[in-house]
């Protein structure tokens, strides 16, 4: 059985983003074209469908590290803030975007609130991750025959 642990993250997130575009509960808000994703960023994302890629990435992170909340997730999307002539310091990612993405995933039924705090995958979310990972693994096996033995 193929799980989301068996597939490289960059391939899984791209395929998962394409499948999340078909879910009605996941829609980018009106302000998503203008917002920066963190204080250490200088500009907003240039990719037109960045919301779906971030949603897929958050779903994968919850699957791997869950139960997890917005504070720990914002550390996953952190970066170095340019402070001019002073040394750079780490700056966490924006939590508003992560919070809204997690709310949309919860409405779609992919994640749920955990009793320990944070959110964790539901069986539906686990199924979406694993089915997408299976499709990605089949596609990668066709491209690279050396993966077939695993």
N, C-alpha and C. Protein backbone atom coordinates (compact mmCIF):
# COMPACT_ATOMS: atom_id res chain seq x y z
N UNK A 1 0.85 -1.18 0.00
CA UNK A 1 0.00 0.00 0.00
C UNK A 1 0.89 1.24 0.00
N UNK A 2 0.64 2.11 -0.92
CA UNK A 2 1.42 3.34 -1.03
C UNK A 2 0.82 4.41 -0.12
N UNK A 3 1.68 5.07 0.65
CA UNK A 3 1.24 6.16 1.52
C UNK A 3 1.95 7.44 1.09
N UNK A 4 1.59 8.54 1.73
CA UNK A 4 2.20 9.82 1.37
C UNK A 4 3.65 9.92 1.83
N UNK A 5 4.11 8.97 2.63
CA UNK A 5 5.51 8.94 3.03
C UNK A 5 6.40 8.38 1.93
N UNK A 6 5.83 7.62 0.99
CA UNK A 6 6.59 6.91 -0.02
C UNK A 6 6.92 7.75 -1.26
N UNK A 7 6.35 8.95 -1.35
CA UNK A 7 6.48 9.77 -2.55
C UNK A 7 7.20 11.06 -2.19
N UNK A 8 8.08 11.56 -3.06
CA UNK A 8 8.72 12.84 -2.78
C UNK A 8 7.69 13.97 -2.65
N UNK A 9 7.94 14.86 -1.71
CA UNK A 9 6.98 15.91 -1.40
C UNK A 9 6.66 16.84 -2.55
N UNK A 10 7.67 17.20 -3.37
CA UNK A 10 7.41 18.15 -4.45
C UNK A 10 6.48 17.57 -5.50
N UNK A 11 6.56 16.27 -5.73
CA UNK A 11 5.65 15.64 -6.70
C UNK A 11 4.25 15.48 -6.12
N UNK A 12 4.20 15.13 -4.84
CA UNK A 12 2.90 14.91 -4.19
C UNK A 12 2.12 16.22 -4.06
N UNK A 13 2.80 17.30 -3.70
CA UNK A 13 2.11 18.57 -3.49
C UNK A 13 1.52 19.09 -4.80
N UNK A 14 2.25 18.95 -5.90
CA UNK A 14 1.73 19.39 -7.19
C UNK A 14 0.50 18.63 -7.62
N UNK A 15 0.53 17.31 -7.46
CA UNK A 15 -0.63 16.50 -7.84
C UNK A 15 -1.80 16.73 -6.89
N UNK A 16 -1.50 16.91 -5.62
CA UNK A 16 -2.55 17.15 -4.64
C UNK A 16 -3.21 18.51 -4.86
N UNK A 17 -2.42 19.50 -5.26
CA UNK A 17 -2.97 20.82 -5.55
C UNK A 17 -3.95 20.75 -6.72
N UNK A 18 -3.63 19.96 -7.74
CA UNK A 18 -4.54 19.81 -8.87
C UNK A 18 -5.84 19.12 -8.47
N UNK A 19 -5.75 18.17 -7.56
CA UNK A 19 -6.98 17.49 -7.13
C UNK A 19 -7.80 18.37 -6.17
N UNK A 20 -7.14 19.25 -5.41
CA UNK A 20 -7.87 20.13 -4.50
C UNK A 20 -8.59 21.25 -5.23
N UNK A 21 -8.21 21.53 -6.47
CA UNK A 21 -8.91 22.55 -7.26
C UNK A 21 -10.35 22.15 -7.53
N UNK A 22 -10.63 20.85 -7.51
CA UNK A 22 -11.98 20.37 -7.80
C UNK A 22 -12.89 20.37 -6.57
N UNK A 23 -12.33 20.66 -5.39
CA UNK A 23 -13.11 20.67 -4.15
C UNK A 23 -13.73 22.07 -3.99
N UNK A 24 -15.05 22.12 -3.83
CA UNK A 24 -15.74 23.40 -3.76
C UNK A 24 -15.44 24.17 -2.49
N UNK A 25 -15.13 23.49 -1.40
CA UNK A 25 -14.91 24.17 -0.12
C UNK A 25 -13.58 24.92 -0.09
N UNK A 26 -12.68 24.59 -0.99
CA UNK A 26 -11.36 25.23 -1.01
C UNK A 26 -11.33 26.24 -2.15
N UNK A 27 -11.42 27.50 -1.78
CA UNK A 27 -11.39 28.60 -2.74
C UNK A 27 -10.49 29.70 -2.19
N UNK A 28 -9.65 30.29 -3.03
CA UNK A 28 -8.83 31.41 -2.53
C UNK A 28 -9.71 32.63 -2.27
N UNK A 29 -9.46 33.36 -1.19
CA UNK A 29 -10.24 34.57 -0.93
C UNK A 29 -9.88 35.68 -1.92
N UNK A 30 -10.67 36.74 -1.92
CA UNK A 30 -10.44 37.84 -2.86
C UNK A 30 -9.09 38.51 -2.64
N UNK A 31 -8.66 38.57 -1.41
CA UNK A 31 -7.42 39.27 -1.08
C UNK A 31 -6.17 38.45 -1.33
N UNK A 32 -6.31 37.21 -1.80
CA UNK A 32 -5.14 36.34 -1.95
C UNK A 32 -4.19 36.80 -3.06
N UNK A 33 -4.66 37.64 -3.99
CA UNK A 33 -3.78 38.13 -5.04
C UNK A 33 -2.81 39.20 -4.55
N UNK A 34 -3.11 39.82 -3.41
CA UNK A 34 -2.33 40.96 -2.95
C UNK A 34 -1.56 40.71 -1.66
N UNK A 35 -1.82 39.62 -0.98
CA UNK A 35 -1.27 39.40 0.35
C UNK A 35 0.12 38.76 0.28
N UNK A 36 0.99 39.15 1.21
CA UNK A 36 2.26 38.46 1.38
C UNK A 36 2.02 37.29 2.32
N UNK A 37 2.79 36.25 2.18
CA UNK A 37 2.59 35.07 3.02
C UNK A 37 3.38 35.15 4.32
N UNK A 38 4.24 36.16 4.45
CA UNK A 38 5.02 36.32 5.67
C UNK A 38 5.65 37.70 5.69
N UNK A 39 6.13 38.11 6.87
CA UNK A 39 6.77 39.41 6.97
C UNK A 39 8.16 39.42 6.35
N UNK A 40 8.79 38.24 6.22
CA UNK A 40 10.12 38.22 5.62
C UNK A 40 10.08 38.23 4.09
N UNK A 41 8.91 38.11 3.50
CA UNK A 41 8.77 38.18 2.05
C UNK A 41 8.66 39.63 1.61
N UNK A 42 9.17 39.93 0.43
CA UNK A 42 9.07 41.28 -0.09
C UNK A 42 7.85 41.47 -0.98
N UNK A 43 7.39 40.41 -1.64
CA UNK A 43 6.26 40.51 -2.55
C UNK A 43 5.29 39.36 -2.30
N UNK A 44 4.10 39.51 -2.86
CA UNK A 44 3.13 38.43 -2.78
C UNK A 44 3.53 37.33 -3.77
N UNK A 45 2.98 36.13 -3.62
CA UNK A 45 3.34 35.05 -4.55
C UNK A 45 2.96 35.39 -5.99
N UNK A 46 3.83 35.04 -6.91
CA UNK A 46 3.60 35.35 -8.32
C UNK A 46 2.83 34.24 -9.04
N UNK A 47 2.79 33.07 -8.49
CA UNK A 47 2.08 31.95 -9.10
C UNK A 47 0.58 32.18 -8.97
N UNK A 48 -0.20 32.06 -10.04
CA UNK A 48 -1.63 32.38 -9.95
C UNK A 48 -2.43 31.43 -9.06
N UNK A 49 -2.04 30.17 -8.95
CA UNK A 49 -2.78 29.22 -8.13
C UNK A 49 -1.99 28.80 -6.90
N UNK A 50 -1.29 29.75 -6.29
CA UNK A 50 -0.46 29.46 -5.12
C UNK A 50 -1.29 28.99 -3.94
N UNK A 51 -2.55 29.42 -3.87
CA UNK A 51 -3.40 29.05 -2.73
C UNK A 51 -3.58 27.53 -2.65
N UNK A 52 -3.75 26.90 -3.81
CA UNK A 52 -3.96 25.45 -3.84
C UNK A 52 -2.67 24.70 -3.50
N UNK A 53 -1.53 25.23 -3.92
CA UNK A 53 -0.26 24.60 -3.59
C UNK A 53 0.01 24.72 -2.09
N UNK A 54 -0.29 25.85 -1.50
CA UNK A 54 -0.09 26.01 -0.05
C UNK A 54 -1.06 25.12 0.71
N UNK A 55 -2.29 24.99 0.21
CA UNK A 55 -3.27 24.11 0.86
C UNK A 55 -2.80 22.66 0.81
N UNK A 56 -2.29 22.24 -0.33
CA UNK A 56 -1.78 20.88 -0.46
C UNK A 56 -0.58 20.66 0.46
N UNK A 57 0.27 21.66 0.55
CA UNK A 57 1.44 21.56 1.42
C UNK A 57 1.03 21.48 2.89
N UNK A 58 0.03 22.27 3.28
CA UNK A 58 -0.45 22.24 4.67
C UNK A 58 -1.08 20.88 4.97
N UNK A 59 -1.85 20.35 4.04
CA UNK A 59 -2.47 19.04 4.25
C UNK A 59 -1.40 17.96 4.42
N UNK A 60 -0.35 18.03 3.62
CA UNK A 60 0.75 17.07 3.75
C UNK A 60 1.47 17.24 5.08
N UNK A 61 1.71 18.48 5.50
CA UNK A 61 2.38 18.74 6.77
C UNK A 61 1.55 18.22 7.95
N UNK A 62 0.24 18.39 7.88
CA UNK A 62 -0.63 17.89 8.94
C UNK A 62 -0.58 16.37 8.97
N UNK A 63 -0.53 15.75 7.78
CA UNK A 63 -0.44 14.30 7.71
C UNK A 63 0.85 13.77 8.29
N UNK A 64 1.94 14.49 8.12
CA UNK A 64 3.23 14.03 8.60
C UNK A 64 3.44 14.39 10.07
N UNK A 65 3.12 15.62 10.46
CA UNK A 65 3.45 16.12 11.79
C UNK A 65 2.25 16.24 12.72
N UNK A 66 1.05 15.86 12.29
CA UNK A 66 -0.16 16.12 13.06
C UNK A 66 -0.24 15.34 14.35
N UNK A 67 -1.00 15.78 15.31
CA UNK A 67 -1.77 17.02 15.32
C UNK A 67 -0.86 18.24 15.45
N UNK A 68 -1.17 19.26 14.68
CA UNK A 68 -0.34 20.45 14.60
C UNK A 68 -1.24 21.67 14.47
N UNK A 69 -0.81 22.78 15.07
CA UNK A 69 -1.58 24.02 15.02
C UNK A 69 -0.91 25.07 14.16
N UNK A 70 -1.49 26.27 14.15
CA UNK A 70 -0.97 27.32 13.28
C UNK A 70 0.39 27.83 13.73
N UNK A 71 0.67 27.77 15.02
CA UNK A 71 1.96 28.28 15.50
C UNK A 71 3.11 27.42 14.99
N UNK A 72 2.98 26.12 15.11
CA UNK A 72 4.04 25.24 14.61
C UNK A 72 4.10 25.23 13.10
N UNK A 73 2.93 25.33 12.43
CA UNK A 73 2.94 25.39 10.97
C UNK A 73 3.63 26.66 10.47
N UNK A 74 3.44 27.76 11.19
CA UNK A 74 4.07 29.01 10.74
C UNK A 74 5.59 28.92 10.83
N UNK A 75 6.10 28.09 11.73
CA UNK A 75 7.55 27.89 11.80
C UNK A 75 8.06 27.08 10.61
N UNK A 76 7.20 26.21 10.04
CA UNK A 76 7.60 25.46 8.85
C UNK A 76 7.74 26.38 7.65
N UNK A 77 6.99 27.47 7.62
CA UNK A 77 7.03 28.41 6.50
C UNK A 77 7.79 29.67 6.87
N UNK A 78 8.78 29.56 7.74
CA UNK A 78 9.56 30.72 8.17
C UNK A 78 10.70 30.98 7.19
N UNK A 79 11.37 32.10 7.42
CA UNK A 79 12.51 32.46 6.58
C UNK A 79 13.31 33.57 7.23
N UNK A 80 14.38 33.94 6.60
CA UNK A 80 15.25 34.98 7.14
C UNK A 80 14.72 36.36 6.75
N UNK A 81 14.53 37.21 7.74
CA UNK A 81 14.06 38.57 7.50
C UNK A 81 15.28 39.47 7.31
N UNK A 82 15.28 40.21 6.20
CA UNK A 82 16.38 41.13 5.90
C UNK A 82 16.21 42.38 6.74
N UNK A 83 17.21 42.65 7.58
CA UNK A 83 17.12 43.80 8.48
C UNK A 83 18.14 44.88 8.11
N UNK A 84 18.49 44.95 6.85
CA UNK A 84 19.43 45.97 6.41
C UNK A 84 20.85 45.58 6.76
N UNK A 85 21.56 46.49 7.45
CA UNK A 85 22.96 46.22 7.79
C UNK A 85 23.09 45.32 9.01
N UNK A 86 21.99 45.14 9.74
CA UNK A 86 22.00 44.24 10.90
C UNK A 86 21.90 42.80 10.42
N UNK A 87 22.32 41.84 11.24
CA UNK A 87 22.22 40.44 10.82
C UNK A 87 20.76 40.00 10.64
N UNK A 88 20.56 39.10 9.71
CA UNK A 88 19.21 38.58 9.46
C UNK A 88 18.74 37.76 10.66
N UNK A 89 17.43 37.75 10.85
CA UNK A 89 16.83 36.93 11.89
C UNK A 89 15.68 36.14 11.30
N UNK A 90 15.38 35.04 11.95
CA UNK A 90 14.28 34.19 11.50
C UNK A 90 12.94 34.86 11.77
N UNK A 91 12.04 34.75 10.82
CA UNK A 91 10.71 35.30 10.95
C UNK A 91 9.70 34.22 10.57
N UNK A 92 8.70 34.00 11.41
CA UNK A 92 7.69 32.98 11.14
C UNK A 92 6.82 33.38 9.97
N UNK A 93 6.17 32.39 9.36
CA UNK A 93 5.24 32.64 8.28
C UNK A 93 3.95 33.24 8.81
N UNK A 94 3.15 33.81 7.90
CA UNK A 94 1.89 34.42 8.29
C UNK A 94 0.87 33.39 8.73
N UNK A 95 0.23 33.63 9.88
CA UNK A 95 -0.70 32.65 10.42
C UNK A 95 -2.12 32.83 9.91
N UNK A 96 -2.47 33.99 9.38
CA UNK A 96 -3.82 34.21 8.86
C UNK A 96 -4.09 33.30 7.67
N UNK A 97 -3.14 33.20 6.76
CA UNK A 97 -3.30 32.35 5.59
C UNK A 97 -3.42 30.89 6.03
N UNK A 98 -2.57 30.48 6.96
CA UNK A 98 -2.61 29.09 7.43
C UNK A 98 -3.91 28.78 8.15
N UNK A 99 -4.38 29.73 8.96
CA UNK A 99 -5.63 29.53 9.70
C UNK A 99 -6.81 29.36 8.74
N UNK A 100 -6.86 30.21 7.71
CA UNK A 100 -7.97 30.12 6.74
C UNK A 100 -7.89 28.83 5.93
N UNK A 101 -6.69 28.42 5.57
CA UNK A 101 -6.53 27.17 4.84
C UNK A 101 -6.99 25.99 5.69
N UNK A 102 -6.62 26.01 6.97
CA UNK A 102 -7.04 24.92 7.86
C UNK A 102 -8.54 24.92 8.06
N UNK A 103 -9.17 26.07 8.11
CA UNK A 103 -10.62 26.14 8.23
C UNK A 103 -11.29 25.58 6.98
N UNK A 104 -10.74 25.88 5.80
CA UNK A 104 -11.30 25.35 4.57
C UNK A 104 -11.12 23.83 4.48
N UNK A 105 -9.97 23.34 4.91
CA UNK A 105 -9.76 21.89 4.92
C UNK A 105 -10.69 21.20 5.90
N UNK A 106 -10.99 21.88 7.00
CA UNK A 106 -11.92 21.32 7.98
C UNK A 106 -13.34 21.27 7.43
N UNK A 107 -13.75 22.31 6.71
CA UNK A 107 -15.08 22.32 6.08
C UNK A 107 -15.17 21.22 5.03
N UNK A 108 -14.08 21.01 4.28
CA UNK A 108 -14.07 19.97 3.25
C UNK A 108 -14.05 18.56 3.86
N UNK A 109 -13.73 18.46 5.15
CA UNK A 109 -13.74 17.16 5.81
C UNK A 109 -12.42 16.43 5.79
N UNK A 110 -11.33 17.11 5.42
CA UNK A 110 -10.02 16.47 5.34
C UNK A 110 -9.29 16.47 6.68
N UNK A 111 -9.56 17.45 7.53
CA UNK A 111 -8.92 17.51 8.85
C UNK A 111 -9.99 17.78 9.89
N UNK A 112 -9.63 17.55 11.15
CA UNK A 112 -10.54 17.83 12.27
C UNK A 112 -9.72 18.29 13.46
N UNK A 113 -10.38 18.94 14.41
CA UNK A 113 -9.70 19.39 15.61
C UNK A 113 -9.37 18.20 16.48
N UNK A 114 -8.19 18.24 17.06
CA UNK A 114 -7.73 17.16 17.91
C UNK A 114 -7.99 17.51 19.37
N UNK A 115 -8.19 16.51 20.20
CA UNK A 115 -8.39 16.76 21.62
C UNK A 115 -7.14 17.27 22.29
N UNK A 116 -5.97 16.93 21.73
CA UNK A 116 -4.69 17.39 22.27
C UNK A 116 -4.40 18.84 21.89
N UNK A 117 -5.12 19.38 20.94
CA UNK A 117 -4.84 20.71 20.40
C UNK A 117 -4.35 20.58 18.97
N UNK A 118 -4.60 21.58 18.18
CA UNK A 118 -4.22 21.53 16.78
C UNK A 118 -5.23 20.75 15.97
N UNK A 119 -4.81 20.36 14.78
CA UNK A 119 -5.70 19.61 13.90
C UNK A 119 -4.97 18.38 13.38
N UNK A 120 -5.76 17.35 13.05
CA UNK A 120 -5.20 16.10 12.54
C UNK A 120 -6.02 15.64 11.36
N UNK A 121 -5.50 14.67 10.62
CA UNK A 121 -6.19 14.15 9.44
C UNK A 121 -7.40 13.32 9.82
N UNK A 122 -8.43 13.39 9.01
CA UNK A 122 -9.57 12.48 9.11
C UNK A 122 -9.31 11.30 8.18
N UNK A 123 -10.10 10.26 8.28
CA UNK A 123 -9.92 9.16 7.31
C UNK A 123 -10.09 9.60 5.86
N UNK A 124 -10.98 10.58 5.62
CA UNK A 124 -11.16 11.10 4.26
C UNK A 124 -9.89 11.82 3.79
N UNK A 125 -9.27 12.61 4.66
CA UNK A 125 -8.03 13.29 4.31
C UNK A 125 -6.89 12.32 4.08
N UNK A 126 -6.81 11.29 4.92
CA UNK A 126 -5.79 10.25 4.74
C UNK A 126 -5.98 9.54 3.40
N UNK A 127 -7.23 9.27 3.05
CA UNK A 127 -7.52 8.61 1.79
C UNK A 127 -7.12 9.47 0.59
N UNK A 128 -7.41 10.76 0.66
CA UNK A 128 -7.03 11.66 -0.43
C UNK A 128 -5.51 11.71 -0.59
N UNK A 129 -4.80 11.81 0.52
CA UNK A 129 -3.33 11.83 0.46
C UNK A 129 -2.77 10.53 -0.11
N UNK A 130 -3.27 9.40 0.37
CA UNK A 130 -2.72 8.12 -0.07
C UNK A 130 -3.10 7.80 -1.51
N UNK A 131 -4.31 8.12 -1.93
CA UNK A 131 -4.71 7.87 -3.32
C UNK A 131 -3.90 8.74 -4.28
N UNK A 132 -3.67 9.98 -3.91
CA UNK A 132 -2.85 10.86 -4.75
C UNK A 132 -1.41 10.36 -4.79
N UNK A 133 -0.91 9.89 -3.64
CA UNK A 133 0.46 9.35 -3.60
C UNK A 133 0.58 8.11 -4.48
N UNK A 134 -0.46 7.28 -4.51
CA UNK A 134 -0.44 6.09 -5.36
C UNK A 134 -0.37 6.48 -6.84
N UNK A 135 -1.17 7.48 -7.23
CA UNK A 135 -1.15 7.94 -8.62
C UNK A 135 0.21 8.54 -8.99
N UNK A 136 0.77 9.30 -8.08
CA UNK A 136 2.08 9.92 -8.34
C UNK A 136 3.16 8.86 -8.44
N UNK A 137 3.09 7.85 -7.59
CA UNK A 137 4.09 6.79 -7.63
C UNK A 137 4.01 6.01 -8.94
N UNK A 138 2.79 5.74 -9.42
CA UNK A 138 2.64 5.05 -10.71
C UNK A 138 3.23 5.89 -11.83
N UNK A 139 3.00 7.19 -11.79
CA UNK A 139 3.53 8.08 -12.82
C UNK A 139 5.05 8.14 -12.77
N UNK A 140 5.61 8.18 -11.57
CA UNK A 140 7.06 8.22 -11.43
C UNK A 140 7.71 6.91 -11.85
N UNK A 141 7.03 5.79 -11.62
CA UNK A 141 7.57 4.50 -12.03
C UNK A 141 7.65 4.39 -13.54
N UNK A 142 6.68 4.99 -14.24
CA UNK A 142 6.73 4.98 -15.71
C UNK A 142 7.91 5.81 -16.21
N UNK A 143 8.18 6.93 -15.54
CA UNK A 143 9.27 7.81 -15.97
C UNK A 143 10.63 7.22 -15.60
N UNK A 144 10.74 6.64 -14.41
CA UNK A 144 12.01 6.10 -13.95
C UNK A 144 11.83 4.62 -13.63
N UNK A 145 12.37 3.77 -14.45
CA UNK A 145 12.17 2.34 -14.27
C UNK A 145 12.94 1.80 -13.04
N UNK A 146 13.88 2.56 -12.50
CA UNK A 146 14.64 2.08 -11.35
C UNK A 146 13.80 2.08 -10.06
N UNK A 147 12.66 2.75 -10.05
CA UNK A 147 11.80 2.78 -8.86
C UNK A 147 10.92 1.55 -8.75
N UNK A 148 10.80 0.76 -9.78
CA UNK A 148 9.86 -0.36 -9.79
C UNK A 148 10.19 -1.43 -8.76
N UNK A 149 11.44 -1.54 -8.37
CA UNK A 149 11.79 -2.60 -7.42
C UNK A 149 11.41 -2.26 -6.00
N UNK A 150 10.98 -1.05 -5.72
CA UNK A 150 10.63 -0.66 -4.34
C UNK A 150 9.18 -0.76 -4.09
